[in-house]
C-alpha atoms as a PDB file:
ATOM      1  CA  MET A   1     -29.825 -45.562 -16.382  1.00  0.00           C
ATOM      2  CA  VAL A   2     -28.518 -42.847 -14.011  1.00  0.00           C
ATOM      3  CA  LYS A   3     -30.978 -41.376 -11.562  1.00  0.00           C
ATOM      4  CA  LYS A   4     -31.803 -37.716 -11.965  1.00  0.00           C
ATOM      5  CA  GLY A   5     -30.505 -36.783  -8.466  1.00  0.00           C
ATOM      6  CA  LYS A   6     -27.236 -38.648  -9.022  1.00  0.00           C
ATOM      7  CA  PHE A   7     -26.722 -36.896 -12.389  1.00  0.00           C
ATOM      8  CA  ARG A   8     -27.208 -33.443 -10.797  1.00  0.00           C
ATOM      9  CA  TYR A   9     -24.808 -34.387  -8.045  1.00  0.00           C
ATOM     10  CA  ASN A  10     -22.184 -35.461 -10.605  1.00  0.00           C
ATOM     11  CA  VAL A  11     -22.629 -32.247 -12.619  1.00  0.00           C
ATOM     12  CA  VAL A  12     -22.348 -30.034  -9.527  1.00  0.00           C
ATOM     13  CA  TRP A  13     -19.304 -32.013  -8.331  1.00  0.00           C
ATOM     14  CA  PHE A  14     -17.673 -31.726 -11.756  1.00  0.00           C
ATOM     15  CA  LEU A  15     -18.328 -27.940 -11.899  1.00  0.00           C
ATOM     16  CA  LEU A  16     -16.979 -27.417  -8.364  1.00  0.00           C
ATOM     17  CA  CYS A  17     -13.831 -29.393  -9.168  1.00  0.00           C
ATOM     18  CA  GLY A  18     -13.371 -27.435 -12.391  1.00  0.00           C
ATOM     19  CA  PHE A  19     -13.837 -24.132 -10.545  1.00  0.00           C
ATOM     20  CA  PHE A  20     -11.366 -25.202  -7.868  1.00  0.00           C
ATOM     21  CA  ILE A  21      -8.743 -26.250 -10.433  1.00  0.00           C
ATOM     22  CA  PHE A  22      -9.277 -23.005 -12.408  1.00  0.00           C
ATOM     23  CA  SER A  23      -8.857 -20.974  -9.202  1.00  0.00           C
ATOM     24  CA  ILE A  24      -5.624 -22.747  -8.268  1.00  0.00           C
ATOM     25  CA  VAL A  25      -4.140 -22.341 -11.749  1.00  0.00           C
ATOM     26  CA  THR A  26      -5.098 -18.642 -11.838  1.00  0.00           C
ATOM     27  CA  TRP A  27      -3.672 -18.056  -8.367  1.00  0.00           C
ATOM     28  CA  VAL A  28      -0.388 -19.780  -9.214  1.00  0.00           C
ATOM     29  CA  ALA A  29      -0.013 -17.801 -12.452  1.00  0.00           C
ATOM     30  CA  SER A  30      -0.727 -14.431 -10.819  1.00  0.00           C
ATOM     31  CA  THR A  31       1.563 -15.219  -7.888  1.00  0.00           C
ATOM     32  CA  ALA A  32       4.351 -16.142 -10.295  1.00  0.00           C
ATOM     33  CA  ASN A  33       3.779 -12.827 -12.147  1.00  0.00           C
ATOM     34  CA  TYR A  34       3.969 -10.840  -8.909  1.00  0.00           C
ATOM     35  CA  LEU A  35       7.151 -12.627  -7.876  1.00  0.00           C
ATOM     36  CA  GLU A  36       8.729 -11.979 -11.263  1.00  0.00           C
ATOM     37  CA  PHE A  37       7.648  -8.340 -11.094  1.00  0.00           C
ATOM     38  CA  TYR A  38       9.199  -7.735  -7.649  1.00  0.00           C
ATOM     39  CA  SER A  39      12.362  -9.599  -8.532  1.00  0.00           C
ATOM     40  CA  SER A  40      12.672  -7.438 -11.670  1.00  0.00           C
ATOM     41  CA  LEU A  41      12.579  -4.335  -9.483  1.00  0.00           C
ATOM     42  CA  LYS A  42      15.612  -5.671  -7.609  1.00  0.00           C
ATOM     43  CA  ASN A  43      17.440  -5.945 -10.971  1.00  0.00           C
ATOM     44  CA  LEU A  44      17.022  -2.249 -11.841  1.00  0.00           C
ATOM     45  CA  TYR A  45      20.107  -0.159 -11.177  1.00  0.00           C
ATOM     46  CA  LEU A  46      21.615   3.178 -12.135  1.00  0.00           C
ATOM     47  CA  ARG A  47      24.958   3.348 -13.910  1.00  0.00           C
ATOM     48  CA  ILE A  48      26.977   6.546 -14.381  1.00  0.00           C
ATOM     49  CA  ASP A  49      28.609   6.343 -17.797  1.00  0.00           C
ATOM     50  CA  SER A  50      30.268   9.739 -17.530  1.00  0.00           C
ATOM     51  CA  PHE A  51      30.233  12.729 -15.186  1.00  0.00           C
ATOM     52  CA  ASN A  52      32.421  15.670 -16.138  1.00  0.00           C
ATOM     53  CA  TYR A  53      32.493  19.009 -14.411  1.00  0.00           C
ATOM     54  CA  ASP A  54      34.299  22.338 -14.388  1.00  0.00           C
ATOM     55  CA  ILE A  55      34.537  24.608 -11.352  1.00  0.00           C
ATOM     56  CA  LEU A  56      34.150  28.204 -12.444  1.00  0.00           C
ATOM     57  CA  GLU A  57      34.178  31.561 -10.642  1.00  0.00           C
ATOM     58  CA  PHE A  58      31.839  34.327 -11.823  1.00  0.00           C
ATOM     59  CA  GLY A  59      31.838  37.583  -9.871  1.00  0.00           C
ATOM     60  CA  GLY A  60      32.782  35.925  -6.613  1.00  0.00           C
ATOM     61  CA  LYS A  61      30.200  33.163  -7.061  1.00  0.00           C
ATOM     62  CA  THR A  62      31.231  29.538  -7.563  1.00  0.00           C
ATOM     63  CA  VAL A  63      29.513  27.608 -10.331  1.00  0.00           C
ATOM     64  CA  VAL A  64      29.951  23.918 -11.157  1.00  0.00           C
ATOM     65  CA  CYS A  65      29.238  23.211 -14.817  1.00  0.00           C
ATOM     66  CA  VAL A  66      28.220  19.536 -15.341  1.00  0.00           C
ATOM     67  CA  ASP A  67      28.035  17.247 -18.379  1.00  0.00           C
ATOM     68  CA  GLY A  68      27.185  13.608 -17.905  1.00  0.00           C
ATOM     69  CA  ARG A  69      25.365  10.463 -18.961  1.00  0.00           C
ATOM     70  CA  PHE A  70      23.346   8.264 -16.675  1.00  0.00           C
ATOM     71  CA  SER A  71      21.886   4.886 -17.647  1.00  0.00           C
ATOM     72  CA  LEU A  72      19.087   2.915 -16.082  1.00  0.00           C
ATOM     73  CA  VAL A  73      19.808  -0.788 -16.550  1.00  0.00           C
ATOM     74  CA  HIS A  74      16.910  -3.264 -16.536  1.00  0.00           C
ATOM     75  CA  ASN A  75      18.664  -6.549 -15.981  1.00  0.00           C
ATOM     76  CA  SER A  76      15.758  -8.985 -15.958  1.00  0.00           C
ATOM     77  CA  SER A  77      13.446 -10.732 -18.418  1.00  0.00           C
ATOM     78  CA  TYR A  78      10.245  -9.137 -17.086  1.00  0.00           C
ATOM     79  CA  LYS A  79       8.086  -7.383 -19.677  1.00  0.00           C
ATOM     80  CA  GLY A  80       5.716  -4.598 -18.751  1.00  0.00           C
ATOM     81  CA  LEU A  81       7.664  -2.062 -16.652  1.00  0.00           C
ATOM     82  CA  VAL A  82       6.560   1.365 -17.841  1.00  0.00           C
ATOM     83  CA  LEU A  83       8.958   4.120 -16.813  1.00  0.00           C
ATOM     84  CA  GLU A  84       7.714   7.602 -16.022  1.00  0.00           C
ATOM     85  CA  SER A  85      10.935   9.148 -14.739  1.00  0.00           C
ATOM     86  CA  VAL A  86      14.292   8.616 -13.028  1.00  0.00           C
ATOM     87  CA  TYR A  87      15.477  10.775 -10.109  1.00  0.00           C
ATOM     88  CA  VAL A  88      19.194  11.114  -9.368  1.00  0.00           C
ATOM     89  CA  SER A  89      20.816  13.009  -6.503  1.00  0.00           C
ATOM     90  CA  MET A  90      24.462  13.238  -5.470  1.00  0.00           C
ATOM     91  CA  PHE A  91      25.702  14.105  -1.989  1.00  0.00           C
ATOM     92  CA  VAL A  92      29.195  14.986  -0.891  1.00  0.00           C
ATOM     93  CA  GLU A  93      30.132  12.496   1.818  1.00  0.00           C
ATOM     94  CA  GLY A  94      28.942  13.813   5.175  1.00  0.00           C
ATOM     95  CA  GLU A  95      26.487  16.376   3.805  1.00  0.00           C
ATOM     96  CA  VAL A  96      22.682  16.179   3.921  1.00  0.00           C
ATOM     97  CA  GLU A  97      21.851  18.461   0.980  1.00  0.00           C
ATOM     98  CA  PRO A  98      22.624  17.242  -2.554  1.00  0.00           C
ATOM     99  CA  PHE A  99      24.927  19.317  -4.732  1.00  0.00           C
ATOM    100  CA  PHE A 100      23.414  17.681  -7.813  1.00  0.00           C
ATOM    101  CA  GLU A 101      19.860  16.503  -8.322  1.00  0.00           C
ATOM    102  CA  ARG A 102      17.878  15.940 -11.459  1.00  0.00           C
ATOM    103  CA  ARG A 103      14.666  14.233 -12.516  1.00  0.00           C
ATOM    104  CA  PHE A 104      14.804  12.765 -15.994  1.00  0.00           C
ATOM    105  CA  TRP A 105      11.414  12.332 -17.667  1.00  0.00           C
ATOM    106  CA  ALA A 106      11.093   9.179 -19.741  1.00  0.00           C
ATOM    107  CA  ASN A 107       7.714   9.833 -21.405  1.00  0.00           C
ATOM    108  CA  ASP A 108       6.192   6.537 -20.280  1.00  0.00           C
ATOM    109  CA  ILE A 109       8.488   4.222 -22.201  1.00  0.00           C
ATOM    110  CA  GLU A 110       8.212   0.483 -21.643  1.00  0.00           C
ATOM    111  CA  LEU A 111      11.461  -1.078 -20.501  1.00  0.00           C
ATOM    112  CA  ALA A 112      12.323  -4.033 -22.717  1.00  0.00           C
ATOM    113  CA  PRO A 113      13.897  -7.061 -20.992  1.00  0.00           C
ATOM    114  CA  HIS A 114      17.661  -6.723 -20.497  1.00  0.00           C
ATOM    115  CA  SER A 115      17.682  -3.142 -21.797  1.00  0.00           C
ATOM    116  CA  THR A 116      19.340   0.167 -20.954  1.00  0.00           C
ATOM    117  CA  VAL A 117      17.854   3.657 -21.106  1.00  0.00           C
ATOM    118  CA  SER A 118      20.278   6.600 -21.110  1.00  0.00           C
ATOM    119  CA  PHE A 119      19.760  10.177 -19.953  1.00  0.00           C
ATOM    120  CA  ASP A 120      22.123  13.056 -20.738  1.00  0.00           C
ATOM    121  CA  VAL A 121      22.999  16.220 -18.849  1.00  0.00           C
ATOM    122  CA  GLU A 122      24.637  18.977 -20.883  1.00  0.00           C
ATOM    123  CA  ASN A 123      25.946  22.303 -19.595  1.00  0.00           C
ATOM    124  CA  LEU A 124      24.003  22.196 -16.348  1.00  0.00           C
ATOM    125  CA  ASN A 125      25.171  25.005 -14.069  1.00  0.00           C
ATOM    126  CA  LEU A 126      25.011  24.155 -10.370  1.00  0.00           C
ATOM    127  CA  THR A 127      25.099  27.016  -7.893  1.00  0.00           C
ATOM    128  CA  GLU A 128      23.306  25.697  -4.785  1.00  0.00           C
ATOM    129  CA  ASN A 129      25.013  23.475  -2.213  1.00  0.00           C
ATOM    130  CA  VAL A 130      28.254  23.314  -4.204  1.00  0.00           C
ATOM    131  CA  ASP A 131      30.547  24.750  -1.521  1.00  0.00           C
ATOM    132  CA  GLY A 132      31.163  21.365   0.136  1.00  0.00           C
ATOM    133  CA  PHE A 133      31.952  19.785  -3.230  1.00  0.00           C
ATOM    134  CA  VAL A 134      34.296  22.613  -4.295  1.00  0.00           C
ATOM    135  CA  ASN A 135      36.094  22.797  -0.924  1.00  0.00           C
ATOM    136  CA  SER A 136      36.620  18.996  -0.796  1.00  0.00           C
ATOM    137  CA  LYS A 137      37.886  18.987  -4.373  1.00  0.00           C
ATOM    138  CA  ARG A 138      40.349  21.810  -3.691  1.00  0.00           C
ATOM    139  CA  GLU A 139      41.509  20.430  -0.348  1.00  0.00           C
ATOM    140  CA  PHE A 140      41.768  16.693  -1.101  1.00  0.00           C
ATOM    141  CA  GLY A 141      41.930  16.542  -4.916  1.00  0.00           C
ATOM    142  CA  SER A 142      39.033  14.088  -5.059  1.00  0.00           C
ATOM    143  CA  VAL A 143      35.553  13.900  -3.604  1.00  0.00           C
ATOM    144  CA  ASN A 144      33.612  10.855  -2.408  1.00  0.00           C
ATOM    145  CA  VAL A 145      30.031  11.229  -3.553  1.00  0.00           C
ATOM    146  CA  LEU A 146      26.965   9.240  -2.472  1.00  0.00           C
ATOM    147  CA  VAL A 147      24.600   8.636  -5.394  1.00  0.00           C
ATOM    148  CA  ARG A 148      20.943   8.067  -4.571  1.00  0.00           C
ATOM    149  CA  SER A 149      18.391   7.281  -7.226  1.00  0.00           C
ATOM    150  CA  ALA A 150      14.802   6.274  -7.641  1.00  0.00           C
ATOM    151  CA  VAL A 151      12.575   5.301 -10.529  1.00  0.00           C
ATOM    152  CA  PHE A 152       8.933   6.157 -10.954  1.00  0.00           C
ATOM    153  CA  ILE A 153       7.124   3.347 -12.718  1.00  0.00           C
ATOM    154  CA  TYR A 154       3.520   2.491 -13.463  1.00  0.00           C
ATOM    155  CA  VAL A 155       2.618  -0.655 -11.551  1.00  0.00           C
ATOM    156  CA  PHE A 156       0.219  -3.094 -13.217  1.00  0.00           C
ATOM    157  CA  GLY A 157      -1.326  -0.464 -15.484  1.00  0.00           C
ATOM    158  CA  GLY A 158      -2.272   1.883 -12.642  1.00  0.00           C
ATOM    159  CA  PRO A 159      -2.868   5.593 -13.293  1.00  0.00           C
ATOM    160  CA  PHE A 160      -0.204   6.851 -10.882  1.00  0.00           C
ATOM    161  CA  ALA A 161       3.513   6.196 -10.947  1.00  0.00           C
ATOM    162  CA  THR A 162       5.017   4.425  -7.933  1.00  0.00           C
ATOM    163  CA  LYS A 163       8.417   5.444  -6.535  1.00  0.00           C
ATOM    164  CA  VAL A 164      10.945   2.616  -6.249  1.00  0.00           C
ATOM    165  CA  GLU A 165      14.225   3.434  -4.485  1.00  0.00           C
ATOM    166  CA  LEU A 166      17.318   1.983  -6.156  1.00  0.00           C
ATOM    167  CA  GLU A 167      20.466   0.897  -4.332  1.00  0.00           C
ATOM    168  CA  ASP A 168      22.745   3.740  -3.204  1.00  0.00           C
ATOM    169  CA  PHE A 169      26.414   3.678  -4.143  1.00  0.00           C
ATOM    170  CA  TYR A 170      29.572   5.799  -3.832  1.00  0.00           C
ATOM    171  CA  ILE A 171      31.783   7.195  -6.583  1.00  0.00           C
ATOM    172  CA  THR A 172      34.963   9.233  -6.388  1.00  0.00           C
ATOM    173  CA  LEU A 173      35.211  12.327  -8.542  1.00  0.00           C
END
């Protein structure tokens, strides 16, 4: 027969071991989820499928009319990224003000693993900060453009979207 004190000791020891094992398993699972989440953010990138423009003159004012398609590529297996919006800006090389900037609202869609979300621009007339773009285009025939982008996503079900900067890249128009 087991003594009463020894039985209590065994029960407490068993519960403490169970709690410790449960804590370790929970910690490992949540750490793995955080690591997968942050690595999935590194696998988000912006792709420009098309970017067409016309340079027009109206009453001495230069207007750049833009049509284009941008795609956000989610190239990971992580489930649970909820997209609020995507911000895109384009800078003529050497300038600090963008000649094109746009925020695309995504209406809180969840990004499926290995998916692509596209955003279209149709007949957008640009009038501000276009002089550098127009002058470079006329002088050199092509323009090197820096593309900066960011996504606003809801992190772990939080009420506010968090801004995540994507990798910058250059294109020639």
